[in-house]
Protein backbone atom coordinates (compact mmCIF):
# COMPACT_ATOMS: atom_id res chain seq x y z
CA MET A 1 0.08 -0.10 -0.62
CA MET A 2 1.57 3.23 -1.03
CA THR A 3 0.63 5.86 2.11
CA ARG A 4 1.56 9.17 2.84
CA ARG A 5 4.76 7.55 4.80
CA SER A 6 6.39 5.21 1.59
CA PHE A 7 5.60 8.54 -0.30
CA ALA A 8 7.63 10.66 1.83
CA THR A 9 10.39 7.73 2.00
CA VAL A 10 10.24 7.71 -2.01
CA LEU A 11 11.44 10.77 -2.68
CA GLY A 12 13.94 10.35 -0.57
CA ALA A 13 17.30 8.78 -1.82
CA GLY A 14 16.46 4.80 -0.52
CA PRO A 15 14.26 2.64 -2.56
CA PHE A 16 15.96 3.93 -5.99
CA LEU A 17 18.66 2.41 -7.54
CA PRO A 18 20.46 4.96 -9.97
CA SER A 19 20.55 3.06 -13.58
CA ALA A 20 23.47 3.50 -15.60
CA SER A 21 21.81 6.63 -17.60
CA ALA A 22 22.18 8.27 -14.10
CA ALA A 23 25.52 8.75 -14.93
CA ARG A 24 24.95 11.11 -18.02
CA LYS A 25 22.28 13.34 -18.46
CA LEU A 26 19.52 12.40 -21.23
CA THR A 27 17.67 15.00 -23.62
CA LEU A 28 14.09 13.21 -23.93
CA HIS A 29 11.76 14.98 -22.87
CA VAL A 30 9.13 13.94 -21.16
CA GLY A 31 5.03 14.67 -20.75
CA HIS A 32 2.68 13.59 -18.24
CA THR A 33 -1.45 11.96 -19.73
CA GLY A 34 -4.00 14.36 -17.36
CA LEU A 35 -5.64 10.03 -16.59
CA THR A 36 -3.93 10.51 -13.33
CA TRP A 37 -5.94 13.18 -12.13
CA ILE A 38 -9.49 11.74 -12.96
CA PRO A 39 -11.40 9.64 -10.89
CA LEU A 40 -12.34 6.53 -13.29
CA GLY A 41 -13.78 3.42 -12.05
CA GLY A 42 -14.15 1.86 -8.58
CA ARG A 43 -16.99 3.79 -6.42
CA ILE A 44 -17.16 7.55 -6.02
CA THR A 45 -19.50 8.66 -3.01
CA PRO A 46 -21.44 10.44 -3.39
CA PRO A 47 -21.85 9.68 -7.10
CA PRO A 48 -19.91 12.87 -8.85
CA ARG A 49 -22.57 15.71 -10.30
CA ILE A 50 -20.47 15.42 -13.69
CA ASN A 51 -18.84 12.99 -15.40
CA PRO A 52 -15.53 12.92 -13.83
CA MET A 53 -14.19 12.37 -17.74
CA VAL A 54 -15.39 15.93 -19.09
CA ASP A 55 -15.34 17.33 -15.90
CA PRO A 56 -13.13 20.49 -15.99
CA GLN A 57 -11.58 20.46 -12.74
CA TYR A 58 -9.87 17.87 -13.42
CA VAL A 59 -8.56 19.17 -16.91
CA ALA A 60 -7.54 22.44 -14.84
CA ALA A 61 -6.09 20.79 -11.85
CA ALA A 62 -3.91 18.57 -14.55
CA ILE A 63 -2.58 21.49 -16.70
CA ARG A 64 -1.78 23.53 -13.28
CA ASP A 65 0.06 20.51 -11.58
CA ILE A 66 1.68 18.93 -14.63
CA ALA A 67 3.01 22.54 -15.92
CA GLY A 68 4.19 23.50 -12.08
CA LEU A 69 6.43 20.16 -11.97
CA GLY A 70 8.00 21.27 -15.27
CA PHE A 71 6.79 18.06 -17.44
CA TYR A 72 7.14 19.26 -20.99
CA GLY A 73 3.61 18.54 -22.18
CA ILE A 74 0.38 17.28 -21.59
CA GLU A 75 -2.12 14.73 -23.04
CA LEU A 76 -5.67 14.64 -22.68
CA PHE A 77 -8.54 12.71 -23.83
CA GLY A 78 -10.17 14.25 -26.85
CA ASN A 79 -14.06 14.03 -25.23
CA GLN A 80 -11.84 16.10 -22.57
CA ILE A 81 -10.99 18.53 -25.14
CA GLU A 82 -14.19 18.53 -26.64
CA ALA A 83 -16.15 18.84 -23.57
CA MET A 84 -13.99 22.16 -23.05
CA GLU A 85 -14.93 23.82 -25.80
CA ALA A 86 -18.20 24.27 -24.18
CA GLN A 87 -15.95 26.38 -21.24
CA GLY A 88 -14.07 28.45 -24.23
CA GLY A 89 -11.49 25.48 -25.24
CA VAL A 90 -8.37 24.13 -23.38
CA GLY A 91 -6.81 26.86 -24.79
CA ALA A 92 -6.40 29.84 -22.58
CA LEU A 93 -5.63 27.21 -19.36
CA LEU A 94 -2.70 25.84 -21.48
CA GLN A 95 -1.51 29.08 -22.22
CA GLU A 96 -2.00 31.03 -18.84
CA HIS A 97 0.26 27.99 -17.37
CA LYS A 98 2.81 27.86 -20.63
CA LEU A 99 2.43 24.19 -21.08
CA PRO A 100 2.31 22.41 -24.34
CA LEU A 101 -0.85 19.91 -25.36
CA ILE A 102 1.02 16.98 -27.15
CA SER A 103 -1.41 14.79 -27.74
CA ALA A 104 -4.82 13.20 -27.45
CA TYR A 105 -6.48 9.95 -26.60
CA CYS A 106 -8.92 8.93 -28.55
CA ASN A 107 -11.40 5.77 -28.29
CA THR A 108 -12.05 4.72 -31.74
CA ASN A 109 -13.98 0.74 -32.51
CA LEU A 110 -11.36 -0.54 -35.11
CA SER A 111 -12.97 -3.92 -35.29
CA ASP A 112 -16.72 -3.60 -35.89
CA PRO A 113 -16.68 -2.05 -39.86
CA ALA A 114 -20.47 -1.15 -39.06
CA ALA A 115 -19.08 1.31 -37.03
CA ARG A 116 -16.09 2.17 -39.14
CA LYS A 117 -17.25 5.40 -40.94
CA ASP A 118 -18.88 7.00 -37.08
CA SER A 119 -15.82 6.27 -35.33
CA ILE A 120 -13.29 7.78 -37.63
CA ALA A 121 -15.44 10.74 -37.98
CA LYS A 122 -15.60 10.88 -34.13
CA THR A 123 -11.71 10.52 -33.70
CA LEU A 124 -11.10 13.13 -36.77
CA ALA A 125 -13.17 15.69 -35.17
CA TRP A 126 -11.07 15.16 -31.53
CA ALA A 127 -7.90 15.03 -34.22
CA SER A 128 -8.88 18.53 -35.34
CA LEU A 129 -9.13 20.04 -32.31
CA VAL A 130 -5.62 18.77 -31.15
CA LYS A 131 -4.74 20.61 -34.39
CA LYS A 132 -6.32 23.84 -33.33
CA TYR A 133 -4.52 23.48 -29.59
CA ASN A 134 -1.15 23.11 -32.08
CA GLY A 135 -0.96 19.07 -30.38
CA LYS A 136 0.59 17.03 -32.92
CA ILE A 137 -0.41 12.97 -32.41
CA VAL A 138 -3.86 11.34 -32.09
CA VAL A 139 -3.68 8.49 -29.85
CA VAL A 140 -5.70 5.50 -31.74
CA GLY A 141 -7.07 3.51 -28.71
CA PRO A 142 -8.58 0.63 -29.66
CA ASN A 143 -12.14 -0.61 -28.17
CA GLY A 144 -12.87 -3.03 -25.77
CA VAL A 145 -14.07 -6.83 -26.41
CA ARG A 146 -15.03 -9.53 -24.16
CA ARG A 147 -11.56 -11.17 -24.14
CA ASP A 148 -12.54 -14.77 -23.21
CA SER A 149 -14.89 -15.22 -26.19
CA TYR A 150 -12.76 -12.31 -28.66
CA ASP A 151 -11.21 -13.95 -31.92
CA PHE A 152 -8.54 -12.02 -33.22
CA LYS A 153 -7.96 -13.53 -36.58
CA ALA A 154 -11.63 -12.73 -37.60
CA HIS A 155 -11.27 -9.15 -36.34
CA LYS A 156 -7.67 -8.48 -38.16
CA ASP A 157 -8.45 -7.56 -41.25
CA ASP A 158 -11.45 -5.26 -40.14
CA ILE A 159 -8.95 -3.95 -37.78
CA LEU A 160 -6.45 -3.02 -40.54
CA THR A 161 -8.62 -1.49 -42.60
CA THR A 162 -9.60 1.37 -40.03
CA LEU A 163 -6.52 2.24 -38.88
CA ASN A 164 -5.23 2.25 -42.15
CA GLU A 165 -8.02 4.51 -43.26
CA LEU A 166 -8.21 6.97 -40.31
CA GLY A 167 -4.05 7.15 -40.92
CA LYS A 168 -4.62 8.59 -43.71
CA ALA A 169 -6.90 11.10 -43.04
CA VAL A 170 -5.20 12.42 -39.84
CA ALA A 171 -1.43 12.39 -41.80
CA ASP A 172 -3.94 14.45 -44.57
CA LEU A 173 -4.79 16.82 -41.13
CA GLY A 174 -0.72 17.62 -40.64
CA LEU A 175 -1.22 14.99 -37.77
CA THR A 176 0.70 11.88 -36.61
CA ALA A 177 -1.55 9.28 -35.38
CA VAL A 178 -0.17 6.18 -33.26
CA LEU A 179 -1.61 2.43 -32.93
CA HIS A 180 -1.68 2.11 -28.26
CA GLN A 181 -2.43 -1.68 -27.27
CA HIS A 182 -4.15 -1.79 -24.72
CA THR A 183 -5.43 -4.90 -22.25
CA GLY A 184 -9.21 -5.37 -22.43
CA THR A 185 -9.14 -4.56 -25.83
CA CYS A 186 -9.31 -5.93 -29.62
CA VAL A 187 -5.33 -5.54 -29.49
CA GLU A 188 -3.87 -6.57 -26.35
CA SER A 189 -1.41 -9.35 -26.64
CA ARG A 190 2.00 -9.84 -28.28
CA ASP A 191 0.89 -11.72 -31.05
CA GLU A 192 -1.83 -9.19 -31.65
CA THR A 193 0.46 -5.97 -31.26
CA TYR A 194 3.16 -7.93 -33.51
CA ALA A 195 0.45 -8.79 -36.49
CA VAL A 196 -0.80 -5.44 -36.99
CA MET A 197 2.10 -3.60 -36.58
CA GLU A 198 3.28 -5.66 -39.46
CA ALA A 199 0.60 -5.52 -42.04
CA VAL A 200 -1.02 -2.19 -41.20
CA ASP A 201 0.00 0.89 -43.10
CA THR A 202 3.27 2.43 -41.51
CA ARG A 203 3.26 5.35 -43.58
CA VAL A 204 0.29 6.80 -42.03
CA MET A 205 -0.20 4.71 -38.74
CA LYS A 206 3.22 4.57 -36.21
CA PHE A 207 3.45 3.28 -32.79
CA GLY A 208 2.58 4.24 -29.46
CA PRO A 209 3.08 1.51 -26.89
CA ASP A 210 1.86 1.92 -23.43
CA ILE A 211 4.88 -0.31 -21.65
CA GLY A 212 3.17 -0.89 -18.41
CA GLN A 213 -0.11 -2.27 -20.34
CA LEU A 214 2.25 -4.43 -22.51
CA GLN A 215 3.73 -6.11 -18.77
CA LYS A 216 0.18 -6.54 -17.91
CA GLY A 217 -0.63 -7.83 -21.16
CA GLY A 218 1.91 -10.79 -20.62
CA SER A 219 4.59 -9.20 -23.13
CA ASP A 220 8.52 -7.81 -22.55
CA PRO A 221 7.87 -4.28 -23.18
CA VAL A 222 11.78 -4.01 -23.71
CA LYS A 223 11.43 -6.61 -26.76
CA VAL A 224 8.34 -4.92 -28.09
CA VAL A 225 9.88 -1.49 -28.15
CA LYS A 226 13.25 -2.78 -29.55
CA ASP A 227 11.46 -4.68 -32.34
CA PHE A 228 9.86 -1.47 -33.24
CA LEU A 229 11.77 1.38 -32.25
CA PRO A 230 11.53 3.10 -36.29
CA LEU A 231 7.81 3.23 -35.98
CA VAL A 232 7.47 4.41 -32.18
CA GLN A 233 6.40 8.49 -32.41
CA HIS A 234 4.72 8.16 -28.91
CA MET A 235 4.54 6.29 -25.74
CA HIS A 236 2.71 5.85 -22.70
CA LEU A 237 5.59 5.04 -19.88
CA LYS A 238 3.60 3.19 -17.04
CA ASP A 239 4.89 0.76 -14.52
CA TYR A 240 3.30 -2.33 -13.28
CA VAL A 241 3.29 -3.92 -9.83
CA GLY A 242 0.08 -6.03 -10.21
CA GLY A 243 -1.13 -4.81 -6.73
CA ALA A 244 -4.29 -4.28 -5.49
CA GLU A 245 -4.00 -0.24 -6.46
CA TYR A 246 -4.07 1.70 -9.52
CA LEU A 247 -5.47 -1.99 -11.52
CA GLY A 248 -2.06 -3.51 -10.78
CA TYR A 249 0.26 -0.58 -12.35
CA CYS A 250 2.17 1.43 -9.86
CA PRO A 251 4.52 4.72 -9.64
CA LEU A 252 7.40 4.59 -11.36
CA GLY A 253 10.62 2.25 -10.65
CA GLN A 254 7.86 0.86 -8.01
CA GLY A 255 7.08 -2.29 -10.38
CA LYS A 256 8.48 -4.86 -12.85
CA VAL A 257 9.25 -2.60 -16.27
CA ASP A 258 12.81 -2.05 -17.27
CA ILE A 259 12.05 2.01 -17.62
CA PRO A 260 16.04 2.92 -18.08
CA ALA A 261 16.05 0.29 -20.73
CA ILE A 262 13.16 2.07 -22.34
CA LEU A 263 14.66 5.70 -21.62
CA ASP A 264 18.24 4.38 -23.33
CA MET A 265 16.58 2.91 -26.55
CA MET A 266 14.30 6.41 -26.41
CA GLU A 267 17.21 8.64 -26.12
CA GLY A 268 18.38 10.43 -29.18
CA ARG A 269 15.24 9.67 -31.30
CA LYS A 270 13.54 12.69 -33.01
CA THR A 271 9.67 12.02 -32.71
CA ASP A 272 6.23 13.79 -33.76
CA GLY A 273 5.30 13.21 -30.24
CA HIS A 274 6.60 12.66 -26.35
CA ILE A 275 7.36 9.78 -23.69
CA MET A 276 4.21 10.27 -21.03
CA VAL A 277 4.48 9.81 -17.90
CA GLU A 278 0.92 7.77 -16.64
CA LEU A 279 -0.84 6.17 -13.37
CA ASP A 280 -4.27 4.91 -13.70
CA SER A 281 -6.52 6.82 -11.06
CA PRO A 282 -9.18 4.07 -9.95
CA PRO A 283 -10.64 5.82 -6.51
CA PRO A 284 -9.59 6.00 -3.50
CA GLN A 285 -6.07 6.72 -4.54
CA PRO A 286 -3.74 6.45 -1.78
CA VAL A 287 -2.13 9.58 -2.68
CA PRO A 288 -3.36 12.45 -4.58
CA ALA A 289 -2.38 12.43 -8.30
CA ILE A 290 0.16 15.35 -8.00
CA GLU A 291 1.99 13.52 -5.13
CA ASN A 292 2.28 10.44 -7.82
CA ALA A 293 3.88 12.67 -10.45
CA LYS A 294 6.30 14.22 -7.89
CA ILE A 295 7.36 10.31 -7.33
CA ALA A 296 7.76 9.99 -11.49
CA LYS A 297 9.53 13.06 -11.41
CA ALA A 298 11.65 12.16 -8.72
CA TYR A 299 12.03 8.32 -10.30
CA LEU A 300 13.41 9.95 -13.70
CA GLN A 301 15.37 12.59 -12.51
CA LYS A 302 17.27 9.80 -11.00
CA GLN A 303 17.62 8.55 -14.76
CA GLY A 304 18.90 11.34 -15.88
CA ILE A 305 16.07 13.27 -16.92
CA GLY A 306 15.60 17.55 -17.01
CA PHE A 307 12.64 18.94 -16.51
CA ARG A 308 11.40 22.79 -17.28
CA ALA A 309 12.28 25.31 -14.85
């Protein structure tokens, strides 16, 4: 369990052992997703008046905290950015805190051909908002499926067709689309990820792996990233330990993912997107979102990562 006492220890020198990277300064620019600030899943008492996914208070808190800690950018959900349009748009907050919008996570139905037209249109509407606020990356999140009865082979061609059509349309907007494999969806396992990335049109659809999701899904994140490194244009930097909190994920450096090896592979690469720290946020959180972001920052600094002043 992460308590305030153990959090204080984490920020100290004890638990983190410097990696080989700590002897040198890395040039990587690391951002943070806004997911950690949204109380999704679990039980919220009393029930929220506004769906947390589109509640502007969580967008404002994420932008404020991520900017204040010196991260280089933020990723929001497409529907968060859309909802903020009714509040005058997310641009004023980004400008106030001098924080760039890098990307938007866009849930997209890839496996159902009957939903293809509407799903692509929805994702392109979010992509247009990403462009409006000077972002660059559209993170394509696959639709959820019943994994116990799901037949990937039966849906592979439909997944590829949707990805190729969507990727071309996103490229026409001057943005970069990246596939984000995810547990519980139509692209989860190592074999599914390889099958898609080896067959998709990589001129228009790049790879944006979530290394924690890979670990949770039974893959070796270092191996996957290495095999598709030329296509990796964006990344969710997440750790996984398999515990009861955070859906099994954990603050950086406390889990099974070989994060230093991932950072070493990404060092020196020019990408359209960023490495984005992320930690899932089902309530109750043992510590507030900003404290988890501070843990991530402290860990990354020990790996040689610099932050904005």
